[in-house]
Structures are given as structure tokens and as C-alpha cells.
C-alpha atoms as a PDB file:
ATOM      1  CA  MET A   1      38.280 101.342  86.723  1.00  0.00           C
ATOM      2  CA  VAL A   2      36.800 103.547  83.919  1.00  0.00           C
ATOM      3  CA  ASP A   3      34.190 102.160  81.938  1.00  0.00           C
ATOM      4  CA  LEU A   4      35.248 101.758  78.222  1.00  0.00           C
ATOM      5  CA  ASP A   5      33.526 103.675  75.491  1.00  0.00           C
ATOM      6  CA  LEU A   6      34.263 104.216  72.058  1.00  0.00           C
ATOM      7  CA  ALA A   7      36.572 107.239  72.607  1.00  0.00           C
ATOM      8  CA  ILE A   8      38.790 105.258  74.804  1.00  0.00           C
ATOM      9  CA  VAL A   9      39.228 102.334  72.479  1.00  0.00           C
ATOM     10  CA  GLU A  10      39.921 104.723  69.559  1.00  0.00           C
ATOM     11  CA  GLN A  11      42.590 106.614  71.398  1.00  0.00           C
ATOM     12  CA  GLY A  12      44.100 103.227  72.616  1.00  0.00           C
ATOM     13  CA  ILE A  13      44.486 101.938  69.045  1.00  0.00           C
ATOM     14  CA  LYS A  14      46.183 105.365  68.100  1.00  0.00           C
ATOM     15  CA  ASP A  15      48.451 105.229  71.216  1.00  0.00           C
ATOM     16  CA  VAL A  16      49.677 101.823  70.442  1.00  0.00           C
ATOM     17  CA  LEU A  17      50.468 102.812  66.857  1.00  0.00           C
ATOM     18  CA  ALA A  18      52.116 106.084  67.969  1.00  0.00           C
ATOM     19  CA  ARG A  19      54.525 104.232  70.372  1.00  0.00           C
ATOM     20  CA  GLN A  20      56.032 102.543  67.363  1.00  0.00           C
ATOM     21  CA  VAL A  21      56.869 106.131  66.221  1.00  0.00           C
ATOM     22  CA  GLN A  22      58.104 107.392  69.579  1.00  0.00           C
ATOM     23  CA  GLN A  23      60.297 104.397  69.998  1.00  0.00           C
ATOM     24  CA  LYS A  24      61.738 104.932  66.446  1.00  0.00           C
ATOM     25  CA  ILE A  25      60.581 101.467  65.288  1.00  0.00           C
ATOM     26  CA  TRP A  26      58.479 103.057  62.540  1.00  0.00           C
ATOM     27  CA  THR A  27      60.677 105.719  61.108  1.00  0.00           C
ATOM     28  CA  TRP A  28      58.686 105.878  57.842  1.00  0.00           C
ATOM     29  CA  ILE A  29      55.485 107.303  59.159  1.00  0.00           C
ATOM     30  CA  ARG A  30      54.834 111.022  59.132  1.00  0.00           C
ATOM     31  CA  GLU A  31      51.213 111.250  60.788  1.00  0.00           C
ATOM     32  CA  ILE A  32      48.858 109.166  62.819  1.00  0.00           C
ATOM     33  CA  LYS A  33      45.406 110.763  63.624  1.00  0.00           C
ATOM     34  CA  THR A  34      41.743 110.081  63.895  1.00  0.00           C
ATOM     35  CA  TYR A  35      40.018 110.268  60.451  1.00  0.00           C
ATOM     36  CA  GLY A  36      38.000 113.259  59.953  1.00  0.00           C
ATOM     37  CA  GLY A  37      36.736 113.079  56.586  1.00  0.00           C
ATOM     38  CA  GLU A  38      40.091 114.278  54.915  1.00  0.00           C
ATOM     39  CA  PHE A  39      39.323 112.318  51.678  1.00  0.00           C
ATOM     40  CA  ASP A  40      36.273 114.541  51.032  1.00  0.00           C
ATOM     41  CA  ASP A  41      38.650 117.473  50.478  1.00  0.00           C
ATOM     42  CA  ASP A  42      38.859 117.930  46.729  1.00  0.00           C
ATOM     43  CA  THR A  43      42.136 119.857  47.065  1.00  0.00           C
ATOM     44  CA  LEU A  44      44.007 116.641  48.009  1.00  0.00           C
ATOM     45  CA  ALA A  45      45.899 118.613  50.511  1.00  0.00           C
ATOM     46  CA  TRP A  46      45.897 115.519  52.748  1.00  0.00           C
ATOM     47  CA  VAL A  47      48.272 113.809  50.307  1.00  0.00           C
ATOM     48  CA  ASP A  48      51.021 115.889  51.685  1.00  0.00           C
ATOM     49  CA  THR A  49      50.987 113.971  54.874  1.00  0.00           C
ATOM     50  CA  PHE A  50      51.767 110.571  53.352  1.00  0.00           C
ATOM     51  CA  PRO A  51      52.776 108.079  54.450  1.00  0.00           C
ATOM     52  CA  ALA A  52      49.938 108.419  57.085  1.00  0.00           C
ATOM     53  CA  ILE A  53      47.683 106.388  59.089  1.00  0.00           C
ATOM     54  CA  TRP A  54      44.138 107.122  60.361  1.00  0.00           C
ATOM     55  CA  VAL A  55      41.954 105.335  62.885  1.00  0.00           C
ATOM     56  CA  THR A  56      38.166 105.616  62.862  1.00  0.00           C
ATOM     57  CA  PHE A  57      35.131 103.905  64.429  1.00  0.00           C
ATOM     58  CA  GLN A  58      33.181 102.083  61.818  1.00  0.00           C
ATOM     59  CA  GLY A  59      30.064 100.737  63.793  1.00  0.00           C
ATOM     60  CA  SER A  60      28.819  98.103  65.979  1.00  0.00           C
ATOM     61  CA  GLY A  61      27.486  94.573  65.773  1.00  0.00           C
ATOM     62  CA  THR A  62      24.292  93.501  67.557  1.00  0.00           C
ATOM     63  CA  PRO A  63      24.750  93.892  71.474  1.00  0.00           C
ATOM     64  CA  LYS A  64      24.057  90.753  73.615  1.00  0.00           C
ATOM     65  CA  LYS A  65      22.724  91.292  77.058  1.00  0.00           C
ATOM     66  CA  THR A  66      24.422  88.914  79.506  1.00  0.00           C
ATOM     67  CA  SER A  67      22.667  89.819  82.809  1.00  0.00           C
ATOM     68  CA  HIS A  68      20.202  92.374  84.078  1.00  0.00           C
ATOM     69  CA  ASN A  69      22.698  95.134  83.970  1.00  0.00           C
ATOM     70  CA  LYS A  70      25.577  93.982  81.620  1.00  0.00           C
ATOM     71  CA  THR A  71      25.793  94.010  77.890  1.00  0.00           C
ATOM     72  CA  GLU A  72      28.443  92.764  75.537  1.00  0.00           C
ATOM     73  CA  TYR A  73      28.987  95.376  72.664  1.00  0.00           C
ATOM     74  CA  PRO A  74      30.829  94.220  69.671  1.00  0.00           C
ATOM     75  CA  VAL A  75      32.550  97.081  67.588  1.00  0.00           C
ATOM     76  CA  THR A  76      34.529  97.506  64.467  1.00  0.00           C
ATOM     77  CA  PHE A  77      37.328 100.063  64.095  1.00  0.00           C
ATOM     78  CA  VAL A  78      39.063 100.825  60.884  1.00  0.00           C
ATOM     79  CA  VAL A  79      42.868 101.705  60.293  1.00  0.00           C
ATOM     80  CA  LEU A  80      43.547 103.305  56.983  1.00  0.00           C
ATOM     81  CA  VAL A  81      46.995 103.578  55.628  1.00  0.00           C
ATOM     82  CA  GLY A  82      48.005 105.860  52.805  1.00  0.00           C
ATOM     83  CA  ALA A  83      51.290 106.095  50.698  1.00  0.00           C
ATOM     84  CA  ARG A  84      52.259 108.059  47.407  1.00  0.00           C
ATOM     85  CA  SER A  85      54.924 107.568  44.837  1.00  0.00           C
ATOM     86  CA  MET A  86      56.167 109.857  42.215  1.00  0.00           C
ATOM     87  CA  ARG A  87      57.424 106.651  40.334  1.00  0.00           C
ATOM     88  CA  ASN A  88      54.176 104.644  39.397  1.00  0.00           C
ATOM     89  CA  GLU A  89      51.007 103.073  40.503  1.00  0.00           C
ATOM     90  CA  GLU A  90      52.884  99.859  41.692  1.00  0.00           C
ATOM     91  CA  ALA A  91      55.401 101.670  43.827  1.00  0.00           C
ATOM     92  CA  GLN A  92      52.768 103.306  46.127  1.00  0.00           C
ATOM     93  CA  ARG A  93      51.577  99.770  47.105  1.00  0.00           C
ATOM     94  CA  HIS A  94      54.782  97.693  46.950  1.00  0.00           C
ATOM     95  CA  GLY A  95      57.159 100.564  48.090  1.00  0.00           C
ATOM     96  CA  ALA A  96      60.339 101.636  46.002  1.00  0.00           C
ATOM     97  CA  GLY A  97      63.767 102.713  47.375  1.00  0.00           C
ATOM     98  CA  ARG A  98      63.213 104.486  50.595  1.00  0.00           C
ATOM     99  CA  ASP A  99      59.612 104.969  50.198  1.00  0.00           C
ATOM    100  CA  ILE A 100      57.293 102.466  51.928  1.00  0.00           C
ATOM    101  CA  GLY A 101      54.211 101.101  50.250  1.00  0.00           C
ATOM    102  CA  THR A 102      50.889 100.615  51.594  1.00  0.00           C
ATOM    103  CA  PHE A 103      51.031  96.751  51.525  1.00  0.00           C
ATOM    104  CA  LEU A 104      54.136  96.844  53.776  1.00  0.00           C
ATOM    105  CA  MET A 105      52.420  99.558  55.994  1.00  0.00           C
ATOM    106  CA  LEU A 106      49.384  97.236  56.418  1.00  0.00           C
ATOM    107  CA  LYS A 107      51.590  94.377  57.234  1.00  0.00           C
ATOM    108  CA  HIS A 108      53.176  96.315  60.132  1.00  0.00           C
ATOM    109  CA  VAL A 109      49.678  97.390  61.300  1.00  0.00           C
ATOM    110  CA  LYS A 110      48.349  93.820  61.352  1.00  0.00           C
ATOM    111  CA  LYS A 111      51.352  92.333  63.091  1.00  0.00           C
ATOM    112  CA  LEU A 112      51.067  95.044  65.730  1.00  0.00           C
ATOM    113  CA  LEU A 113      47.167  94.945  66.453  1.00  0.00           C
ATOM    114  CA  ILE A 114      46.140  91.476  65.814  1.00  0.00           C
ATOM    115  CA  GLY A 115      45.440  89.874  69.353  1.00  0.00           C
ATOM    116  CA  ASN A 116      46.266  93.104  70.974  1.00  0.00           C
ATOM    117  CA  ASP A 117      43.909  94.108  73.816  1.00  0.00           C
ATOM    118  CA  LEU A 118      45.459  97.705  74.179  1.00  0.00           C
ATOM    119  CA  SER A 119      46.383  96.957  77.905  1.00  0.00           C
ATOM    120  CA  SER A 120      49.824  98.168  77.070  1.00  0.00           C
ATOM    121  CA  VAL A 121      48.484 101.743  76.914  1.00  0.00           C
ATOM    122  CA  GLY A 122      46.236 101.492  79.830  1.00  0.00           C
ATOM    123  CA  VAL A 123      43.107 100.165  78.282  1.00  0.00           C
ATOM    124  CA  VAL A 124      41.224  97.601  80.541  1.00  0.00           C
ATOM    125  CA  GLY A 125      38.292  95.290  79.732  1.00  0.00           C
ATOM    126  CA  LEU A 126      38.639  95.109  76.007  1.00  0.00           C
ATOM    127  CA  ASP A 127      38.688  91.815  74.077  1.00  0.00           C
ATOM    128  CA  PRO A 128      41.693  91.397  71.837  1.00  0.00           C
ATOM    129  CA  LEU A 129      41.512  92.864  68.375  1.00  0.00           C
ATOM    130  CA  GLU A 130      40.614  90.426  65.592  1.00  0.00           C
ATOM    131  CA  LEU A 131      41.378  90.921  61.882  1.00  0.00           C
ATOM    132  CA  GLY A 132      38.474  91.908  59.640  1.00  0.00           C
ATOM    133  CA  ARG A 133      38.157  92.907  55.942  1.00  0.00           C
ATOM    134  CA  THR A 134      40.851  94.910  53.868  1.00  0.00           C
ATOM    135  CA  LYS A 135      39.507  97.342  51.212  1.00  0.00           C
ATOM    136  CA  THR A 136      41.047  99.669  48.627  1.00  0.00           C
ATOM    137  CA  ILE A 137      39.754 103.199  49.341  1.00  0.00           C
ATOM    138  CA  PHE A 138      41.894 105.043  46.772  1.00  0.00           C
ATOM    139  CA  ASN A 139      44.129 103.823  44.058  1.00  0.00           C
ATOM    140  CA  THR A 140      44.554 106.675  41.605  1.00  0.00           C
ATOM    141  CA  LYS A 141      47.091 109.067  39.925  1.00  0.00           C
ATOM    142  CA  THR A 142      46.908 112.817  40.609  1.00  0.00           C
ATOM    143  CA  ARG A 143      49.204 115.739  40.578  1.00  0.00           C
ATOM    144  CA  ASN A 144      51.894 113.722  38.732  1.00  0.00           C
ATOM    145  CA  GLN A 145      52.169 111.141  41.734  1.00  0.00           C
ATOM    146  CA  SER A 146      50.349 107.879  42.326  1.00  0.00           C
ATOM    147  CA  ILE A 147      48.397 107.600  45.699  1.00  0.00           C
ATOM    148  CA  ASN A 148      46.927 104.413  47.464  1.00  0.00           C
ATOM    149  CA  VAL A 149      44.965 104.235  50.532  1.00  0.00           C
ATOM    150  CA  LEU A 150      43.747 100.810  52.057  1.00  0.00           C
ATOM    151  CA  SER A 151      41.459 100.231  54.954  1.00  0.00           C
ATOM    152  CA  GLN A 152      41.800  97.456  57.408  1.00  0.00           C
ATOM    153  CA  GLU A 153      38.932  96.521  59.838  1.00  0.00           C
ATOM    154  CA  PHE A 154      39.472  95.225  63.399  1.00  0.00           C
ATOM    155  CA  THR A 155      36.793  93.842  65.491  1.00  0.00           C
ATOM    156  CA  THR A 156      36.622  93.558  69.294  1.00  0.00           C
ATOM    157  CA  GLN A 157      34.126  93.978  72.061  1.00  0.00           C
ATOM    158  CA  TYR A 158      33.571  95.186  75.642  1.00  0.00           C
ATOM    159  CA  THR A 159      31.069  94.927  78.447  1.00  0.00           C
ATOM    160  CA  ILE A 160      28.793  97.943  79.216  1.00  0.00           C
ATOM    161  CA  THR A 161      27.456  97.862  82.745  1.00  0.00           C
ATOM    162  CA  ALA A 162      24.401 100.000  83.446  1.00  0.00           C
ATOM    163  CA  SER A 163      25.097 101.382  86.881  1.00  0.00           C
ATOM    164  CA  ASP A 164      21.689 102.920  87.446  1.00  0.00           C
ATOM    165  CA  ARG A 165      20.229  99.390  86.621  1.00  0.00           C
ATOM    166  CA  ASP A 166      22.282  98.164  89.569  1.00  0.00           C
ATOM    167  CA  ARG A 167      20.523 100.257  92.000  1.00  0.00           C
ATOM    168  CA  GLU A 168      17.080  99.552  90.643  1.00  0.00           C
ATOM    169  CA  GLU A 169      17.699  95.865  90.795  1.00  0.00           C
ATOM    170  CA  GLU A 170      18.910  96.262  94.396  1.00  0.00           C
ATOM    171  CA  ALA A 171      15.909  98.040  95.186  1.00  0.00           C
ATOM    172  CA  THR A 172      13.591  95.527  93.679  1.00  0.00           C
ATOM    173  CA  ASP A 173      15.487  92.509  95.115  1.00  0.00           C
ATOM    174  CA  ALA A 174      15.479  93.836  98.675  1.00  0.00           C
ATOM    175  CA  TYR A 175      13.479  91.394 100.958  1.00  0.00           C
ATOM    176  CA  ILE A 176      10.798  92.833 103.259  1.00  0.00           C
ATOM    177  CA  HIS A 177      11.227  91.207 106.697  1.00  0.00           C
ATOM    178  CA  ARG A 178       8.660  92.983 108.855  1.00  0.00           C
ATOM    179  CA  ILE A 179       5.342  94.619 108.181  1.00  0.00           C
ATOM    180  CA  ASN A 180       3.668  96.975 110.730  1.00  0.00           C
ATOM    181  CA  VAL A 181      -0.201  96.800 110.400  1.00  0.00           C
ATOM    182  CA  ASP A 182      -2.359  99.494 112.225  1.00  0.00           C
ATOM    183  CA  TYR A 183      -6.038  98.844 112.860  1.00  0.00           C
ATOM    184  CA  TYR A 184      -8.410 101.758 113.267  1.00  0.00           C
ATOM    185  CA  PHE A 185     -12.016 101.498 114.444  1.00  0.00           C
ATOM    186  CA  GLU A 186     -14.941 103.731 114.602  1.00  0.00           C
ATOM    187  CA  PRO A 187     -15.732 105.154 117.861  1.00  0.00           C
ATOM    188  CA  ASN A 188     -18.975 103.386 118.280  1.00  0.00           C
ATOM    189  CA  ASP A 189     -17.530  99.938 117.499  1.00  0.00           C
ATOM    190  CA  GLY A 190     -16.343  99.301 121.116  1.00  0.00           C
ATOM    191  CA  PHE A 191     -12.743  98.335 119.926  1.00  0.00           C
ATOM    192  CA  LYS A 192      -9.443 100.257 120.670  1.00  0.00           C
ATOM    193  CA  ASP A 193      -6.938 100.944 117.980  1.00  0.00           C
ATOM    194  CA  GLU A 194      -4.281  98.474 117.798  1.00  0.00           C
ATOM    195  CA  SER A 195      -1.173  97.588 115.756  1.00  0.00           C
ATOM    196  CA  ASP A 196       0.637  94.479 115.007  1.00  0.00           C
ATOM    197  CA  LEU A 197       4.152  93.740 113.952  1.00  0.00           C
ATOM    198  CA  ILE A 198       4.193  90.834 111.431  1.00  0.00           C
ATOM    199  CA  GLU A 199       7.324  88.770 110.809  1.00  0.00           C
ATOM    200  CA  LEU A 200       7.539  87.564 107.244  1.00  0.00           C
ATOM    201  CA  GLN A 201       9.349  84.339 106.458  1.00  0.00           C
ATOM    202  CA  GLU A 202      11.744  84.302 103.552  1.00  0.00           C
ATOM    203  CA  ASN A 203      11.065  81.391 101.220  1.00  0.00           C
END
């Protein structure tokens, strides 16, 4: 089994979302990808990909050590949904005609990911995703169209195992059963060099 890391979890979330497109359940989505700072692009070229979904790692909580080599690692990922409308500001949230709004997009995402441990896409050892906070990232009008982007937090955790620590602990915990003791004497002492094998009793 491969130890989990942030990349595996992020890809797992994207894979679960992408399956909905591949199976033609979500016919309204145009793009699902990892967020890479698109919103910093002042040209707003990313608006042309709407309706779109991005996934990104937000941060971790306080890790909790559960044994000498295991640590529970709580993490938060964010799913962003974006939609646009040529109609009005309300339409890009609520949807209108054939256009889906961000509220409905977020509803679909929540139903799919809440309680999902991503095992359906091969992820092993992840706690089920739990719903976090929802925020508005963009809600504005530009280039004669209204755009809206919402972010939804999902929290989960997995256990990190320090394999190197395993070996260190095994070496430390190994019990010594016998000690060989050698005695060396000066030539004029009148004694012969000797050695003893001492058996140690384990408590």
C-alpha cells in the first residue's frame, strides 16, 4: 500500500469529480483541474472555461502523534466552482435556461464529496471528507457578463507512518541476552587472561 500524501488526495478528489463527466452525469461542466493561480490573471481568460471546477490544497490542522512512528495529519482541501451568465448577476448563481449556476454546481459537489473517502478511485487510508466553510471568491460583472466563483472547504485526515523511525525503535527495543566479558591482566600479576559469557535475564 502506498502511503498517502497531499498529491494523492488532491488527485483523488479530481478523479471522483471527473468520473461524473466521463459517465455523462455532469454534462454541464467544461473543465476540472488543479487551481494554479488563474484568478491572478487580469486578462480574465479563465472565464472562458466556465462552468469550471478547481481543486486545491488549503492547509493542515495540528498534527496529532498517536504512537512512536504514527501521526494523524488533518488537512483541508478547497473545491472552487465558477459560472458566468450573459443575463444578470443572479443568473450566474441560480442558473437560467440551459446555463447552470454556482449554487447548483456546489450542491452537486457537496452531495458527491461529503462522506466520500475516495476509495472508489483507489485512495486507501483516508478519512471520509467532511463539509467545511463556503465562501464567495468572485461576484462581479465584466466583459458584459456576470461571473461568480464560490469556494467550498472539505476536511479530512490520514495517518503518516515514519518508516525510518520503525527501524530506529526496533534497534532501541532489541533485548540483549548475552554479554561476553574478557579479562586481561598484566604479565606480572600471576593470572591468565580469561573470558566469561554472562546470560542476562529479561525482566
